Amino acid sequence: MEELICSVEFLRGNSELVARVSSEAGGVREYRGPSADPVIDQVINDLQEEFESAPAN
C-alpha cells in the first residue's frame, strides 16, 4: 500500500526559483533562491532531517 508522505512543487518566477513543500509533520513551507541548486539542496536537507527524526510506523 502506498502512502503520500510529502508533496514538492517547483515554480520558476522571473528572477527566482520557488519550492513549495508540504508534509504532515512539517506543514507547508517555501524555499526561494536565484537558482535551482541552492533551493534543491535546502529542500533535500530539510526533508532528510524531517524523515530521519520521524518515528517509524
N, C-alpha and C. Protein backbone atom coordinates (compact mmCIF):
# COMPACT_ATOMS: atom_id res chain seq x y z
N MET A 1 0.84 -1.18 0.00
CA MET A 1 0.00 0.00 0.00
C MET A 1 0.89 1.25 0.00
N GLU A 2 0.59 2.20 -0.84
CA GLU A 2 1.35 3.44 -0.91
C GLU A 2 0.68 4.53 -0.09
N GLU A 3 1.51 5.38 0.49
CA GLU A 3 1.02 6.47 1.30
C GLU A 3 1.80 7.73 0.94
N LEU A 4 1.10 8.81 0.67
CA LEU A 4 1.74 10.09 0.36
C LEU A 4 2.36 10.65 1.63
N ILE A 5 3.69 10.88 1.60
CA ILE A 5 4.35 11.41 2.79
C ILE A 5 4.76 12.86 2.62
N CYS A 6 4.88 13.32 1.37
CA CYS A 6 5.15 14.73 1.15
C CYS A 6 4.85 15.09 -0.30
N SER A 7 4.69 16.37 -0.52
CA SER A 7 4.45 16.90 -1.85
C SER A 7 5.45 18.03 -2.08
N VAL A 8 6.09 18.05 -3.25
CA VAL A 8 7.07 19.08 -3.58
C VAL A 8 6.72 19.66 -4.94
N GLU A 9 6.62 20.98 -5.01
CA GLU A 9 6.38 21.69 -6.26
C GLU A 9 7.53 22.66 -6.51
N PHE A 10 7.98 22.73 -7.74
CA PHE A 10 9.00 23.71 -8.11
C PHE A 10 8.38 24.68 -9.11
N LEU A 11 8.50 25.97 -8.83
CA LEU A 11 7.94 27.02 -9.68
C LEU A 11 9.06 27.99 -10.05
N ARG A 12 9.06 28.42 -11.29
CA ARG A 12 10.07 29.38 -11.71
C ARG A 12 9.40 30.74 -11.89
N GLY A 13 9.90 31.72 -11.13
CA GLY A 13 9.44 33.09 -11.25
C GLY A 13 10.36 33.85 -12.18
N ASN A 14 10.18 35.16 -12.25
CA ASN A 14 11.01 35.99 -13.12
C ASN A 14 12.48 35.95 -12.73
N SER A 15 12.77 36.02 -11.44
CA SER A 15 14.16 36.10 -11.01
C SER A 15 14.53 35.08 -9.95
N GLU A 16 13.64 34.11 -9.67
CA GLU A 16 13.96 33.13 -8.65
C GLU A 16 13.21 31.83 -8.88
N LEU A 17 13.70 30.80 -8.19
CA LEU A 17 13.03 29.51 -8.18
C LEU A 17 12.37 29.36 -6.82
N VAL A 18 11.15 28.85 -6.81
CA VAL A 18 10.41 28.65 -5.57
C VAL A 18 10.08 27.17 -5.45
N ALA A 19 10.34 26.61 -4.28
CA ALA A 19 9.93 25.24 -3.99
C ALA A 19 8.90 25.29 -2.87
N ARG A 20 7.78 24.63 -3.09
CA ARG A 20 6.75 24.52 -2.05
C ARG A 20 6.71 23.07 -1.60
N VAL A 21 6.91 22.87 -0.32
CA VAL A 21 6.95 21.53 0.25
C VAL A 21 5.82 21.42 1.27
N SER A 22 5.11 20.32 1.20
CA SER A 22 4.03 20.06 2.15
C SER A 22 4.19 18.65 2.70
N SER A 23 4.18 18.54 4.02
CA SER A 23 4.23 17.23 4.66
C SER A 23 3.42 17.29 5.94
N GLU A 24 3.01 16.13 6.40
CA GLU A 24 2.19 16.09 7.60
C GLU A 24 2.95 16.62 8.81
N ALA A 25 4.20 16.25 8.94
CA ALA A 25 5.00 16.66 10.10
C ALA A 25 5.45 18.11 10.01
N GLY A 26 5.82 18.58 8.82
CA GLY A 26 6.39 19.91 8.68
C GLY A 26 5.44 20.97 8.18
N GLY A 27 4.24 20.59 7.80
CA GLY A 27 3.29 21.55 7.26
C GLY A 27 3.72 22.03 5.88
N VAL A 28 3.27 23.22 5.51
CA VAL A 28 3.61 23.80 4.21
C VAL A 28 4.69 24.85 4.40
N ARG A 29 5.72 24.79 3.57
CA ARG A 29 6.77 25.79 3.63
C ARG A 29 7.32 26.05 2.24
N GLU A 30 7.96 27.20 2.08
CA GLU A 30 8.52 27.61 0.79
C GLU A 30 10.01 27.88 0.93
N TYR A 31 10.72 27.57 -0.13
CA TYR A 31 12.15 27.87 -0.22
C TYR A 31 12.33 28.67 -1.50
N ARG A 32 13.15 29.72 -1.43
CA ARG A 32 13.37 30.59 -2.58
C ARG A 32 14.85 30.81 -2.80
N GLY A 33 15.22 30.94 -4.06
CA GLY A 33 16.61 31.23 -4.38
C GLY A 33 16.75 31.65 -5.82
N PRO A 34 17.90 32.23 -6.16
CA PRO A 34 18.12 32.73 -7.50
C PRO A 34 18.34 31.63 -8.54
N SER A 35 18.70 30.42 -8.07
CA SER A 35 18.92 29.31 -9.00
C SER A 35 18.47 28.01 -8.35
N ALA A 36 18.42 26.95 -9.13
CA ALA A 36 17.88 25.68 -8.66
C ALA A 36 18.76 25.01 -7.60
N ASP A 37 20.06 25.03 -7.77
CA ASP A 37 20.95 24.27 -6.88
C ASP A 37 20.76 24.57 -5.40
N PRO A 38 20.81 25.83 -4.96
CA PRO A 38 20.65 26.07 -3.52
C PRO A 38 19.25 25.73 -3.00
N VAL A 39 18.24 25.93 -3.83
CA VAL A 39 16.86 25.63 -3.41
C VAL A 39 16.68 24.13 -3.26
N ILE A 40 17.13 23.38 -4.24
CA ILE A 40 17.01 21.92 -4.18
C ILE A 40 17.81 21.36 -3.01
N ASP A 41 19.01 21.88 -2.79
CA ASP A 41 19.83 21.43 -1.65
C ASP A 41 19.11 21.68 -0.33
N GLN A 42 18.48 22.82 -0.19
CA GLN A 42 17.78 23.14 1.05
C GLN A 42 16.58 22.21 1.25
N VAL A 43 15.83 21.96 0.18
CA VAL A 43 14.68 21.05 0.26
C VAL A 43 15.15 19.65 0.67
N ILE A 44 16.20 19.15 0.03
CA ILE A 44 16.73 17.82 0.34
C ILE A 44 17.16 17.74 1.80
N ASN A 45 17.93 18.72 2.25
CA ASN A 45 18.43 18.70 3.63
C ASN A 45 17.30 18.73 4.65
N ASP A 46 16.31 19.60 4.43
CA ASP A 46 15.20 19.70 5.38
C ASP A 46 14.35 18.43 5.41
N LEU A 47 14.07 17.85 4.23
CA LEU A 47 13.28 16.62 4.20
C LEU A 47 14.05 15.46 4.81
N GLN A 48 15.34 15.40 4.56
CA GLN A 48 16.16 14.35 5.15
C GLN A 48 16.12 14.43 6.67
N GLU A 49 16.28 15.63 7.22
CA GLU A 49 16.21 15.81 8.68
C GLU A 49 14.83 15.42 9.21
N GLU A 50 13.79 15.85 8.49
CA GLU A 50 12.42 15.57 8.94
C GLU A 50 12.16 14.07 8.99
N PHE A 51 12.54 13.34 7.95
CA PHE A 51 12.21 11.92 7.89
C PHE A 51 13.16 11.05 8.71
N GLU A 52 14.37 11.52 8.95
CA GLU A 52 15.28 10.77 9.82
C GLU A 52 14.84 10.85 11.27
N SER A 53 14.20 11.96 11.65
CA SER A 53 13.76 12.13 13.03
C SER A 53 12.33 11.65 13.26
N ALA A 54 11.63 11.29 12.19
CA ALA A 54 10.24 10.84 12.31
C ALA A 54 10.20 9.42 12.86
N PRO A 55 9.23 9.13 13.72
CA PRO A 55 9.10 7.77 14.23
C PRO A 55 8.66 6.81 13.12
N ALA A 56 9.18 5.62 13.12
CA ALA A 56 8.83 4.61 12.12
C ALA A 56 7.44 4.04 12.44
N ASN A 57 6.71 3.71 11.40
CA ASN A 57 5.36 3.11 11.59
C ASN A 57 5.46 1.62 11.68
